[in-house]
PDB file of N, CA and C in Angstrom:
ATOM      1  N   MET A   1       9.534   4.565  14.805  1.00  0.00           N
ATOM      2  CA  MET A   1       9.269   4.582  13.389  1.00  0.00           C
ATOM      3  C   MET A   1      10.048   5.732  12.760  1.00  0.00           C
ATOM      4  N   SER A   2      10.739   5.434  11.693  1.00  0.00           N
ATOM      5  CA  SER A   2      11.542   6.456  11.025  1.00  0.00           C
ATOM      6  C   SER A   2      10.816   6.972   9.778  1.00  0.00           C
ATOM      7  N   LYS A   3      11.411   7.999   9.175  1.00  0.00           N
ATOM      8  CA  LYS A   3      10.835   8.538   7.947  1.00  0.00           C
ATOM      9  C   LYS A   3      10.833   7.489   6.838  1.00  0.00           C
ATOM     10  N   TYR A   4      11.797   6.580   6.881  1.00  0.00           N
ATOM     11  CA  TYR A   4      11.881   5.544   5.856  1.00  0.00           C
ATOM     12  C   TYR A   4      10.717   4.561   5.950  1.00  0.00           C
ATOM     13  N   HIS A   5      10.294   4.251   7.168  1.00  0.00           N
ATOM     14  CA  HIS A   5       9.129   3.389   7.360  1.00  0.00           C
ATOM     15  C   HIS A   5       7.881   4.063   6.774  1.00  0.00           C
ATOM     16  N   LEU A   6       7.750   5.356   7.054  1.00  0.00           N
ATOM     17  CA  LEU A   6       6.585   6.092   6.556  1.00  0.00           C
ATOM     18  C   LEU A   6       6.611   6.206   5.032  1.00  0.00           C
ATOM     19  N   GLU A   7       7.774   6.476   4.478  1.00  0.00           N
ATOM     20  CA  GLU A   7       7.893   6.553   3.022  1.00  0.00           C
ATOM     21  C   GLU A   7       7.581   5.207   2.372  1.00  0.00           C
ATOM     22  N   ALA A   8       8.017   4.117   2.997  1.00  0.00           N
ATOM     23  CA  ALA A   8       7.709   2.782   2.473  1.00  0.00           C
ATOM     24  C   ALA A   8       6.205   2.513   2.542  1.00  0.00           C
ATOM     25  N   ALA A   9       5.583   2.927   3.620  1.00  0.00           N
ATOM     26  CA  ALA A   9       4.137   2.731   3.756  1.00  0.00           C
ATOM     27  C   ALA A   9       3.376   3.555   2.714  1.00  0.00           C
ATOM     28  N   ILE A  10       3.839   4.774   2.458  1.00  0.00           N
ATOM     29  CA  ILE A  10       3.214   5.614   1.425  1.00  0.00           C
ATOM     30  C   ILE A  10       3.350   4.931   0.067  1.00  0.00           C
ATOM     31  N   ALA A  11       4.537   4.431  -0.223  1.00  0.00           N
ATOM     32  CA  ALA A  11       4.754   3.731  -1.495  1.00  0.00           C
ATOM     33  C   ALA A  11       3.834   2.518  -1.601  1.00  0.00           C
ATOM     34  N   TYR A  12       3.673   1.789  -0.517  1.00  0.00           N
ATOM     35  CA  TYR A  12       2.771   0.637  -0.521  1.00  0.00           C
ATOM     36  C   TYR A  12       1.346   1.071  -0.886  1.00  0.00           C
ATOM     37  N   TRP A  13       0.840   2.096  -0.213  1.00  0.00           N
ATOM     38  CA  TRP A  13      -0.543   2.522  -0.458  1.00  0.00           C
ATOM     39  C   TRP A  13      -0.754   2.994  -1.887  1.00  0.00           C
ATOM     40  N   HIS A  14       0.291   3.518  -2.512  1.00  0.00           N
ATOM     41  CA  HIS A  14       0.180   3.929  -3.912  1.00  0.00           C
ATOM     42  C   HIS A  14      -0.037   2.734  -4.839  1.00  0.00           C
ATOM     43  N   THR A  15       0.317   1.548  -4.388  1.00  0.00           N
ATOM     44  CA  THR A  15       0.158   0.347  -5.222  1.00  0.00           C
ATOM     45  C   THR A  15      -1.214  -0.296  -5.074  1.00  0.00           C
ATOM     46  N   THR A  16      -2.063   0.235  -4.218  1.00  0.00           N
ATOM     47  CA  THR A  16      -3.352  -0.388  -3.947  1.00  0.00           C
ATOM     48  C   THR A  16      -4.495   0.338  -4.631  1.00  0.00           C
ATOM     49  N   ASP A  17      -5.623  -0.355  -4.703  1.00  0.00           N
ATOM     50  CA  ASP A  17      -6.862   0.257  -5.191  1.00  0.00           C
ATOM     51  C   ASP A  17      -7.881   0.347  -4.069  1.00  0.00           C
ATOM     52  N   ASP A  18      -7.408   0.263  -2.856  1.00  0.00           N
ATOM     53  CA  ASP A  18      -8.268   0.305  -1.673  1.00  0.00           C
ATOM     54  C   ASP A  18      -9.000   1.636  -1.600  1.00  0.00           C
ATOM     55  N   GLY A  19     -10.251   1.605  -1.179  1.00  0.00           N
ATOM     56  CA  GLY A  19     -11.050   2.823  -1.063  1.00  0.00           C
ATOM     57  C   GLY A  19     -10.503   3.812  -0.052  1.00  0.00           C
ATOM     58  N   GLU A  20      -9.710   3.353   0.874  1.00  0.00           N
ATOM     59  CA  GLU A  20      -9.119   4.226   1.895  1.00  0.00           C
ATOM     60  C   GLU A  20      -7.695   4.650   1.540  1.00  0.00           C
ATOM     61  N   LYS A  21      -7.289   4.351   0.316  1.00  0.00           N
ATOM     62  CA  LYS A  21      -5.921   4.629  -0.133  1.00  0.00           C
ATOM     63  C   LYS A  21      -5.475   6.050   0.187  1.00  0.00           C
ATOM     64  N   TRP A  22      -6.214   7.041  -0.290  1.00  0.00           N
ATOM     65  CA  TRP A  22      -5.767   8.431  -0.149  1.00  0.00           C
ATOM     66  C   TRP A  22      -5.860   8.926   1.280  1.00  0.00           C
ATOM     67  N   ASN A  23      -6.821   8.448   2.022  1.00  0.00           N
ATOM     68  CA  ASN A  23      -6.907   8.816   3.431  1.00  0.00           C
ATOM     69  C   ASN A  23      -5.704   8.268   4.192  1.00  0.00           C
ATOM     70  N   ASN A  24      -5.318   7.044   3.903  1.00  0.00           N
ATOM     71  CA  ASN A  24      -4.134   6.461   4.548  1.00  0.00           C
ATOM     72  C   ASN A  24      -2.861   7.195   4.151  1.00  0.00           C
ATOM     73  N   ILE A  25      -2.747   7.529   2.873  1.00  0.00           N
ATOM     74  CA  ILE A  25      -1.568   8.273   2.405  1.00  0.00           C
ATOM     75  C   ILE A  25      -1.505   9.635   3.089  1.00  0.00           C
ATOM     76  N   LEU A  26      -2.641  10.303   3.193  1.00  0.00           N
ATOM     77  CA  LEU A  26      -2.689  11.607   3.871  1.00  0.00           C
ATOM     78  C   LEU A  26      -2.224  11.487   5.320  1.00  0.00           C
ATOM     79  N   GLN A  27      -2.714  10.503   6.035  1.00  0.00           N
ATOM     80  CA  GLN A  27      -2.319  10.323   7.443  1.00  0.00           C
ATOM     81  C   GLN A  27      -0.826  10.041   7.565  1.00  0.00           C
ATOM     82  N   LEU A  28      -0.292   9.269   6.638  1.00  0.00           N
ATOM     83  CA  LEU A  28       1.145   8.978   6.660  1.00  0.00           C
ATOM     84  C   LEU A  28       1.970  10.232   6.376  1.00  0.00           C
ATOM     85  N   TYR A  29       1.508  11.052   5.424  1.00  0.00           N
ATOM     86  CA  TYR A  29       2.210  12.323   5.175  1.00  0.00           C
ATOM     87  C   TYR A  29       2.131  13.242   6.390  1.00  0.00           C
ATOM     88  N   ASN A  30       1.001  13.246   7.080  1.00  0.00           N
ATOM     89  CA  ASN A  30       0.892  14.051   8.297  1.00  0.00           C
ATOM     90  C   ASN A  30       1.945  13.626   9.320  1.00  0.00           C
ATOM     91  N   LYS A  31       2.110  12.327   9.489  1.00  0.00           N
ATOM     92  CA  LYS A  31       3.127  11.819  10.424  1.00  0.00           C
ATOM     93  C   LYS A  31       4.531  12.158   9.936  1.00  0.00           C
ATOM     94  N   LEU A  32       4.756  11.992   8.633  1.00  0.00           N
ATOM     95  CA  LEU A  32       6.075  12.271   8.071  1.00  0.00           C
ATOM     96  C   LEU A  32       6.472  13.731   8.282  1.00  0.00           C
ATOM     97  N   LEU A  33       5.522  14.624   8.138  1.00  0.00           N
ATOM     98  CA  LEU A  33       5.823  16.046   8.343  1.00  0.00           C
ATOM     99  C   LEU A  33       6.199  16.357   9.786  1.00  0.00           C
ATOM    100  N   THR A  34       5.712  15.564  10.746  1.00  0.00           N
ATOM    101  CA  THR A  34       6.101  15.798  12.146  1.00  0.00           C
ATOM    102  C   THR A  34       7.525  15.336  12.407  1.00  0.00           C
ATOM    103  N   ILE A  35       7.997  14.388  11.605  1.00  0.00           N
ATOM    104  CA  ILE A  35       9.367  13.891  11.759  1.00  0.00           C
ATOM    105  C   ILE A  35      10.356  14.766  11.002  1.00  0.00           C
ATOM    106  N   GLU A  36       9.965  15.139   9.781  1.00  0.00           N
ATOM    107  CA  GLU A  36      10.878  15.918   8.935  1.00  0.00           C
ATOM    108  C   GLU A  36      10.065  16.789   7.980  1.00  0.00           C
ATOM    109  N   TYR A  37      10.187  18.091   8.130  1.00  0.00           N
ATOM    110  CA  TYR A  37       9.495  18.990   7.212  1.00  0.00           C
ATOM    111  C   TYR A  37      10.356  19.233   5.980  1.00  0.00           C
ATOM    112  N   SER A  38       9.715  19.194   4.839  1.00  0.00           N
ATOM    113  CA  SER A  38      10.339  19.664   3.602  1.00  0.00           C
ATOM    114  C   SER A  38       9.227  20.160   2.693  1.00  0.00           C
ATOM    115  N   PRO A  39       9.533  21.105   1.815  1.00  0.00           N
ATOM    116  CA  PRO A  39       8.510  21.593   0.886  1.00  0.00           C
ATOM    117  C   PRO A  39       7.943  20.480   0.006  1.00  0.00           C
ATOM    118  N   VAL A  40       8.776  19.529  -0.390  1.00  0.00           N
ATOM    119  CA  VAL A  40       8.311  18.430  -1.235  1.00  0.00           C
ATOM    120  C   VAL A  40       7.302  17.574  -0.484  1.00  0.00           C
ATOM    121  N   ILE A  41       7.596  17.253   0.747  1.00  0.00           N
ATOM    122  CA  ILE A  41       6.664  16.462   1.558  1.00  0.00           C
ATOM    123  C   ILE A  41       5.361  17.243   1.745  1.00  0.00           C
ATOM    124  N   ALA A  42       5.464  18.530   2.010  1.00  0.00           N
ATOM    125  CA  ALA A  42       4.267  19.352   2.204  1.00  0.00           C
ATOM    126  C   ALA A  42       3.422  19.402   0.934  1.00  0.00           C
ATOM    127  N   MET A  43       4.061  19.506  -0.225  1.00  0.00           N
ATOM    128  CA  MET A  43       3.308  19.521  -1.473  1.00  0.00           C
ATOM    129  C   MET A  43       2.661  18.164  -1.745  1.00  0.00           C
ATOM    130  N   ASN A  44       3.390  17.086  -1.488  1.00  0.00           N
ATOM    131  CA  ASN A  44       2.818  15.752  -1.675  1.00  0.00           C
ATOM    132  C   ASN A  44       1.637  15.527  -0.740  1.00  0.00           C
ATOM    133  N   ARG A  45       1.755  16.019   0.475  1.00  0.00           N
ATOM    134  CA  ARG A  45       0.659  15.914   1.437  1.00  0.00           C
ATOM    135  C   ARG A  45      -0.569  16.666   0.930  1.00  0.00           C
ATOM    136  N   THR A  46      -0.333  17.833   0.321  1.00  0.00           N
ATOM    137  CA  THR A  46      -1.438  18.635  -0.184  1.00  0.00           C
ATOM    138  C   THR A  46      -2.169  17.917  -1.311  1.00  0.00           C
ATOM    139  N   TYR A  47      -1.433  17.236  -2.176  1.00  0.00           N
ATOM    140  CA  TYR A  47      -2.072  16.463  -3.238  1.00  0.00           C
ATOM    141  C   TYR A  47      -2.911  15.335  -2.637  1.00  0.00           C
ATOM    142  N   ALA A  48      -2.370  14.653  -1.635  1.00  0.00           N
ATOM    143  CA  ALA A  48      -3.122  13.591  -0.960  1.00  0.00           C
ATOM    144  C   ALA A  48      -4.377  14.157  -0.293  1.00  0.00           C
ATOM    145  N   LEU A  49      -4.271  15.368   0.247  1.00  0.00           N
ATOM    146  CA  LEU A  49      -5.427  16.021   0.864  1.00  0.00           C
ATOM    147  C   LEU A  49      -6.537  16.234  -0.165  1.00  0.00           C
ATOM    148  N   ALA A  50      -6.156  16.636  -1.377  1.00  0.00           N
ATOM    149  CA  ALA A  50      -7.142  16.834  -2.445  1.00  0.00           C
ATOM    150  C   ALA A  50      -7.852  15.527  -2.773  1.00  0.00           C
ATOM    151  N   LYS A  51      -7.092  14.451  -2.836  1.00  0.00           N
ATOM    152  CA  LYS A  51      -7.672  13.157  -3.183  1.00  0.00           C
ATOM    153  C   LYS A  51      -8.495  12.580  -2.034  1.00  0.00           C
ATOM    154  N   ALA A  52      -8.056  12.789  -0.810  1.00  0.00           N
ATOM    155  CA  ALA A  52      -8.746  12.221   0.352  1.00  0.00           C
ATOM    156  C   ALA A  52      -9.971  13.038   0.739  1.00  0.00           C
ATOM    157  N   ASN A  53      -9.859  14.366   0.685  1.00  0.00           N
ATOM    158  CA  ASN A  53     -10.939  15.240   1.151  1.00  0.00           C
ATOM    159  C   ASN A  53     -11.565  16.005  -0.008  1.00  0.00           C
ATOM    160  N   SER A  54     -10.891  17.075  -0.434  1.00  0.00           N
ATOM    161  CA  SER A  54     -11.423  17.856  -1.558  1.00  0.00           C
ATOM    162  C   SER A  54     -10.336  18.759  -2.127  1.00  0.00           C
ATOM    163  N   PRO A  55     -10.421  19.043  -3.428  1.00  0.00           N
ATOM    164  CA  PRO A  55      -9.472  19.984  -4.023  1.00  0.00           C
ATOM    165  C   PRO A  55      -9.548  21.371  -3.382  1.00  0.00           C
ATOM    166  N   LYS A  56     -10.754  21.806  -3.016  1.00  0.00           N
ATOM    167  CA  LYS A  56     -10.911  23.130  -2.399  1.00  0.00           C
ATOM    168  C   LYS A  56     -10.118  23.222  -1.096  1.00  0.00           C
ATOM    169  N   GLU A  57     -10.209  22.202  -0.273  1.00  0.00           N
ATOM    170  CA  GLU A  57      -9.456  22.177   0.986  1.00  0.00           C
ATOM    171  C   GLU A  57      -7.952  22.148   0.709  1.00  0.00           C
ATOM    172  N   ALA A  58      -7.560  21.389  -0.299  1.00  0.00           N
ATOM    173  CA  ALA A  58      -6.143  21.294  -0.651  1.00  0.00           C
ATOM    174  C   ALA A  58      -5.608  22.616  -1.190  1.00  0.00           C
ATOM    175  N   ILE A  59      -6.423  23.331  -1.966  1.00  0.00           N
ATOM    176  CA  ILE A  59      -5.994  24.632  -2.491  1.00  0.00           C
ATOM    177  C   ILE A  59      -5.726  25.591  -1.340  1.00  0.00           C
ATOM    178  N   ALA A  60      -6.621  25.627  -0.368  1.00  0.00           N
ATOM    179  CA  ALA A  60      -6.424  26.503   0.793  1.00  0.00           C
ATOM    180  C   ALA A  60      -5.131  26.138   1.523  1.00  0.00           C
ATOM    181  N   SER A  61      -4.875  24.851   1.663  1.00  0.00           N
ATOM    182  CA  SER A  61      -3.651  24.393   2.327  1.00  0.00           C
ATOM    183  C   SER A  61      -2.417  24.741   1.496  1.00  0.00           C
ATOM    184  N   ALA A  62      -2.498  24.537   0.180  1.00  0.00           N
ATOM    185  CA  ALA A  62      -1.358  24.818  -0.701  1.00  0.00           C
ATOM    186  C   ALA A  62      -0.992  26.294  -0.709  1.00  0.00           C
ATOM    187  N   LEU A  63      -1.993  27.147  -0.732  1.00  0.00           N
ATOM    188  CA  LEU A  63      -1.721  28.590  -0.751  1.00  0.00           C
ATOM    189  C   LEU A  63      -0.979  29.053   0.493  1.00  0.00           C
ATOM    190  N   LYS A  64      -1.149  28.343   1.598  1.00  0.00           N
ATOM    191  CA  LYS A  64      -0.434  28.675   2.833  1.00  0.00           C
ATOM    192  C   LYS A  64       1.046  28.313   2.743  1.00  0.00           C
ATOM    193  N   LEU A  65       1.403  27.408   1.842  1.00  0.00           N
ATOM    194  CA  LEU A  65       2.808  27.003   1.710  1.00  0.00           C
ATOM    195  C   LEU A  65       3.667  28.140   1.176  1.00  0.00           C
ATOM    196  N   GLY A  66       3.127  28.920   0.264  1.00  0.00           N
ATOM    197  CA  GLY A  66       3.829  30.096  -0.249  1.00  0.00           C
ATOM    198  C   GLY A  66       5.189  29.812  -0.861  1.00  0.00           C
ATOM    199  N   LEU A  67       5.306  28.749  -1.621  1.00  0.00           N
ATOM    200  CA  LEU A  67       6.585  28.384  -2.237  1.00  0.00           C
ATOM    201  C   LEU A  67       6.714  29.058  -3.608  1.00  0.00           C
ATOM    202  N   ASN A  68       6.700  30.373  -3.597  1.00  0.00           N
ATOM    203  CA  ASN A  68       6.588  31.162  -4.816  1.00  0.00           C
ATOM    204  C   ASN A  68       7.771  31.087  -5.769  1.00  0.00           C
ATOM    205  N   GLU A  69       8.857  30.515  -5.347  1.00  0.00           N
ATOM    206  CA  GLU A  69      10.029  30.381  -6.220  1.00  0.00           C
ATOM    207  C   GLU A  69      10.177  28.947  -6.734  1.00  0.00           C
ATOM    208  N   ASN A  70       9.143  28.138  -6.552  1.00  0.00           N
ATOM    209  CA  ASN A  70       9.210  26.716  -6.885  1.00  0.00           C
ATOM    210  C   ASN A  70       8.194  26.410  -7.987  1.00  0.00           C
ATOM    211  N   HIS A  71       8.686  26.018  -9.146  1.00  0.00           N
ATOM    212  CA  HIS A  71       7.771  25.743 -10.258  1.00  0.00           C
ATOM    213  C   HIS A  71       6.892  24.515  -9.989  1.00  0.00           C
ATOM    214  N   TYR A  72       7.384  23.584  -9.187  1.00  0.00           N
ATOM    215  CA  TYR A  72       6.553  22.422  -8.825  1.00  0.00           C
ATOM    216  C   TYR A  72       5.339  22.870  -8.009  1.00  0.00           C
ATOM    217  N   TYR A  73       5.516  23.889  -7.210  1.00  0.00           N
ATOM    218  CA  TYR A  73       4.421  24.450  -6.415  1.00  0.00           C
ATOM    219  C   TYR A  73       3.307  24.966  -7.331  1.00  0.00           C
ATOM    220  N   TYR A  74       3.704  25.695  -8.371  1.00  0.00           N
ATOM    221  CA  TYR A  74       2.709  26.217  -9.302  1.00  0.00           C
ATOM    222  C   TYR A  74       2.047  25.096 -10.101  1.00  0.00           C
ATOM    223  N   CYS A  75       2.806  24.070 -10.419  1.00  0.00           N
ATOM    224  CA  CYS A  75       2.212  22.913 -11.106  1.00  0.00           C
ATOM    225  C   CYS A  75       1.211  22.200 -10.192  1.00  0.00           C
ATOM    226  N   LEU A  76       1.537  22.106  -8.910  1.00  0.00           N
ATOM    227  CA  LEU A  76       0.602  21.525  -7.946  1.00  0.00           C
ATOM    228  C   LEU A  76      -0.684  22.345  -7.908  1.00  0.00           C
ATOM    229  N   LEU A  77      -0.551  23.661  -7.768  1.00  0.00           N
ATOM    230  CA  LEU A  77      -1.744  24.512  -7.748  1.00  0.00           C
ATOM    231  C   LEU A  77      -2.561  24.335  -9.030  1.00  0.00           C
ATOM    232  N   ALA A  78      -1.887  24.256 -10.163  1.00  0.00           N
ATOM    233  CA  ALA A  78      -2.595  24.044 -11.434  1.00  0.00           C
ATOM    234  C   ALA A  78      -3.363  22.724 -11.402  1.00  0.00           C
ATOM    235  N   ASP A  79      -2.741  21.661 -10.901  1.00  0.00           N
ATOM    236  CA  ASP A  79      -3.430  20.361 -10.798  1.00  0.00           C
ATOM    237  C   ASP A  79      -4.639  20.446  -9.880  1.00  0.00           C
ATOM    238  N   LEU A  80      -4.483  21.135  -8.771  1.00  0.00           N
ATOM    239  CA  LEU A  80      -5.602  21.255  -7.830  1.00  0.00           C
ATOM    240  C   LEU A  80      -6.756  22.037  -8.451  1.00  0.00           C
ATOM    241  N   TYR A  81      -6.435  23.099  -9.179  1.00  0.00           N
ATOM    242  CA  TYR A  81      -7.494  23.853  -9.847  1.00  0.00           C
ATOM    243  C   TYR A  81      -8.122  23.046 -10.984  1.00  0.00           C
ATOM    244  N   ARG A  82      -7.326  22.224 -11.661  1.00  0.00           N
ATOM    245  CA  ARG A  82      -7.887  21.341 -12.687  1.00  0.00           C
ATOM    246  C   ARG A  82      -8.896  20.394 -12.060  1.00  0.00           C
ATOM    247  N   MET A  83      -8.546  19.829 -10.893  1.00  0.00           N
ATOM    248  CA  MET A  83      -9.457  18.938 -10.175  1.00  0.00           C
ATOM    249  C   MET A  83     -10.761  19.658  -9.800  1.00  0.00           C
ATOM    250  N   SER A  84     -10.670  20.961  -9.624  1.00  0.00           N
ATOM    251  CA  SER A  84     -11.835  21.779  -9.253  1.00  0.00           C
ATOM    252  C   SER A  84     -12.572  22.328 -10.476  1.00  0.00           C
ATOM    253  N   ASN A  85     -12.115  21.936 -11.654  1.00  0.00           N
ATOM    254  CA  ASN A  85     -12.694  22.437 -12.911  1.00  0.00           C
ATOM    255  C   ASN A  85     -12.585  23.948 -13.047  1.00  0.00           C
ATOM    256  N   SER A  86     -11.521  24.516 -12.502  1.00  0.00           N
ATOM    257  CA  SER A  86     -11.246  25.956 -12.622  1.00  0.00           C
ATOM    258  C   SER A  86     -10.120  26.138 -13.640  1.00  0.00           C
ATOM    259  N   ILE A  87     -10.477  26.022 -14.903  1.00  0.00           N
ATOM    260  CA  ILE A  87      -9.489  26.001 -15.977  1.00  0.00           C
ATOM    261  C   ILE A  87      -8.689  27.295 -16.062  1.00  0.00           C
ATOM    262  N   ASN A  88      -9.330  28.441 -15.854  1.00  0.00           N
ATOM    263  CA  ASN A  88      -8.599  29.716 -15.918  1.00  0.00           C
ATOM    264  C   ASN A  88      -7.511  29.780 -14.851  1.00  0.00           C
ATOM    265  N   GLN A  89      -7.818  29.295 -13.655  1.00  0.00           N
ATOM    266  CA  GLN A  89      -6.823  29.277 -12.580  1.00  0.00           C
ATOM    267  C   GLN A  89      -5.722  28.266 -12.902  1.00  0.00           C
ATOM    268  N   GLU A  90      -6.097  27.127 -13.468  1.00  0.00           N
ATOM    269  CA  GLU A  90      -5.101  26.132 -13.878  1.00  0.00           C
ATOM    270  C   GLU A  90      -4.116  26.761 -14.858  1.00  0.00           C
ATOM    271  N   ILE A  91      -4.631  27.439 -15.856  1.00  0.00           N
ATOM    272  CA  ILE A  91      -3.780  28.077 -16.868  1.00  0.00           C
ATOM    273  C   ILE A  91      -2.908  29.166 -16.232  1.00  0.00           C
ATOM    274  N   LYS A  92      -3.484  29.935 -15.331  1.00  0.00           N
ATOM    275  CA  LYS A  92      -2.723  30.993 -14.636  1.00  0.00           C
ATOM    276  C   LYS A  92      -1.497  30.410 -13.937  1.00  0.00           C
ATOM    277  N   TYR A  93      -1.689  29.319 -13.203  1.00  0.00           N
ATOM    278  CA  TYR A  93      -0.571  28.747 -12.449  1.00  0.00           C
ATOM    279  C   TYR A  93       0.405  27.993 -13.337  1.00  0.00           C
ATOM    280  N   LEU A  94      -0.066  27.415 -14.428  1.00  0.00           N
ATOM    281  CA  LEU A  94       0.871  26.797 -15.368  1.00  0.00           C
ATOM    282  C   LEU A  94       1.748  27.865 -16.016  1.00  0.00           C
ATOM    283  N   ASN A  95       1.169  29.010 -16.314  1.00  0.00           N
ATOM    284  CA  ASN A  95       1.971  30.114 -16.863  1.00  0.00           C
ATOM    285  C   ASN A  95       3.009  30.593 -15.859  1.00  0.00           C
ATOM    286  N   LYS A  96       2.638  30.657 -14.581  1.00  0.00           N
ATOM    287  CA  LYS A  96       3.615  31.042 -13.544  1.00  0.00           C
ATOM    288  C   LYS A  96       4.738  30.014 -13.464  1.00  0.00           C
ATOM    289  N   ALA A  97       4.372  28.736 -13.543  1.00  0.00           N
ATOM    290  CA  ALA A  97       5.390  27.676 -13.521  1.00  0.00           C
ATOM    291  C   ALA A  97       6.326  27.824 -14.711  1.00  0.00           C
ATOM    292  N   LEU A  98       5.757  28.105 -15.864  1.00  0.00           N
ATOM    293  CA  LEU A  98       6.554  28.252 -17.081  1.00  0.00           C
ATOM    294  C   LEU A  98       7.544  29.410 -16.970  1.00  0.00           C
ATOM    295  N   GLU A  99       7.160  30.471 -16.293  1.00  0.00           N
ATOM    296  CA  GLU A  99       8.040  31.632 -16.132  1.00  0.00           C
ATOM    297  C   GLU A  99       9.317  31.303 -15.367  1.00  0.00           C
ATOM    298  N   ILE A 100       9.250  30.357 -14.433  1.00  0.00           N
ATOM    299  CA  ILE A 100      10.427  30.101 -13.596  1.00  0.00           C
ATOM    300  C   ILE A 100      11.070  28.729 -13.831  1.00  0.00           C
ATOM    301  N   THR A 101      10.476  27.928 -14.703  1.00  0.00           N
ATOM    302  CA  THR A 101      11.055  26.616 -15.017  1.00  0.00           C
ATOM    303  C   THR A 101      12.291  26.814 -15.875  1.00  0.00           C
ATOM    304  N   LYS A 102      13.348  26.077 -15.566  1.00  0.00           N
ATOM    305  CA  LYS A 102      14.625  26.243 -16.264  1.00  0.00           C
ATOM    306  C   LYS A 102      14.981  25.071 -17.182  1.00  0.00           C
ATOM    307  N   LYS A 103      14.663  23.853 -16.791  1.00  0.00           N
ATOM    308  CA  LYS A 103      15.078  22.666 -17.541  1.00  0.00           C
ATOM    309  C   LYS A 103      14.200  22.465 -18.775  1.00  0.00           C
ATOM    310  N   PRO A 104      14.833  22.211 -19.917  1.00  0.00           N
ATOM    311  CA  PRO A 104      14.078  22.061 -21.171  1.00  0.00           C
ATOM    312  C   PRO A 104      12.976  20.989 -21.110  1.00  0.00           C
ATOM    313  N   ASP A 105      13.256  19.851 -20.498  1.00  0.00           N
ATOM    314  CA  ASP A 105      12.236  18.804 -20.442  1.00  0.00           C
ATOM    315  C   ASP A 105      11.062  19.207 -19.559  1.00  0.00           C
ATOM    316  N   GLU A 106      11.318  19.956 -18.496  1.00  0.00           N
ATOM    317  CA  GLU A 106      10.239  20.427 -17.630  1.00  0.00           C
ATOM    318  C   GLU A 106       9.444  21.543 -18.310  1.00  0.00           C
ATOM    319  N   ILE A 107      10.125  22.383 -19.076  1.00  0.00           N
ATOM    320  CA  ILE A 107       9.433  23.416 -19.855  1.00  0.00           C
ATOM    321  C   ILE A 107       8.479  22.748 -20.842  1.00  0.00           C
ATOM    322  N   ALA A 108       8.960  21.707 -21.516  1.00  0.00           N
ATOM    323  CA  ALA A 108       8.114  20.989 -22.478  1.00  0.00           C
ATOM    324  C   ALA A 108       6.903  20.366 -21.791  1.00  0.00           C
ATOM    325  N   LEU A 109       7.101  19.823 -20.604  1.00  0.00           N
ATOM    326  CA  LEU A 109       5.991  19.218 -19.868  1.00  0.00           C
ATOM    327  C   LEU A 109       4.937  20.265 -19.494  1.00  0.00           C
ATOM    328  N   VAL A 110       5.376  21.398 -18.987  1.00  0.00           N
ATOM    329  CA  VAL A 110       4.442  22.461 -18.603  1.00  0.00           C
ATOM    330  C   VAL A 110       3.708  22.977 -19.841  1.00  0.00           C
ATOM    331  N   LYS A 111       4.410  23.107 -20.965  1.00  0.00           N
ATOM    332  CA  LYS A 111       3.765  23.548 -22.201  1.00  0.00           C
ATOM    333  C   LYS A 111       2.704  22.550 -22.659  1.00  0.00           C
ATOM    334  N   ARG A 112       2.983  21.250 -22.513  1.00  0.00           N
ATOM    335  CA  ARG A 112       1.973  20.228 -22.862  1.00  0.00           C
ATOM    336  C   ARG A 112       0.749  20.345 -21.956  1.00  0.00           C
ATOM    337  N   LYS A 113       1.003  20.583 -20.663  1.00  0.00           N
ATOM    338  CA  LYS A 113      -0.109  20.741 -19.730  1.00  0.00           C
ATOM    339  C   LYS A 113      -0.943  21.976 -20.094  1.00  0.00           C
ATOM    340  N   LEU A 114      -0.265  23.050 -20.480  1.00  0.00           N
ATOM    341  CA  LEU A 114      -0.972  24.269 -20.904  1.00  0.00           C
ATOM    342  C   LEU A 114      -1.813  24.015 -22.148  1.00  0.00           C
ATOM    343  N   LYS A 115      -1.238  23.301 -23.100  1.00  0.00           N
ATOM    344  CA  LYS A 115      -1.967  22.980 -24.327  1.00  0.00           C
ATOM    345  C   LYS A 115      -3.211  22.173 -23.991  1.00  0.00           C
ATOM    346  N   ASN A 116      -3.067  21.169 -23.135  1.00  0.00           N
ATOM    347  CA  ASN A 116      -4.211  20.331 -22.751  1.00  0.00           C
ATOM    348  C   ASN A 116      -5.275  21.139 -22.006  1.00  0.00           C
ATOM    349  N   ALA A 117      -4.835  22.062 -21.168  1.00  0.00           N
ATOM    350  CA  ALA A 117      -5.790  22.874 -20.396  1.00  0.00           C
ATOM    351  C   ALA A 117      -6.597  23.782 -21.328  1.00  0.00           C
ATOM    352  N   ARG A 118      -5.974  24.241 -22.394  1.00  0.00           N
ATOM    353  CA  ARG A 118      -6.648  25.162 -23.314  1.00  0.00           C
ATOM    354  C   ARG A 118      -7.585  24.457 -24.285  1.00  0.00           C
ATOM    355  N   GLU A 119      -7.431  23.143 -24.413  1.00  0.00           N
ATOM    356  CA  GLU A 119      -8.273  22.392 -25.376  1.00  0.00           C
ATOM    357  C   GLU A 119      -9.611  22.026 -24.811  1.00  0.00           C
TER     358      GLU A 119
END
């Protein structure tokens, strides 16, 4: 089985409403990480972990990634804290993302997320 098979299976599970959707996606990301590690795969796995298990568990896993120069990492942390109803932490990480985001469209997206978090 190659990484492409696993990526196709992940894409398939995203199209379903099955109750085991996120657990299956998490298991597939776990396998994918054994074949090929990348920060993007690790972050996607962490999001699946939040959906399959709990945001608290995913936050602990995400903090271990330490991708401090990656604005997507901070956006992930903000999403996980939003899932945990920790709005102050969500805002903190969105502000960190905003500090290092360079592309105008991504800056606008982070600003919209910040506005929504503050409302």
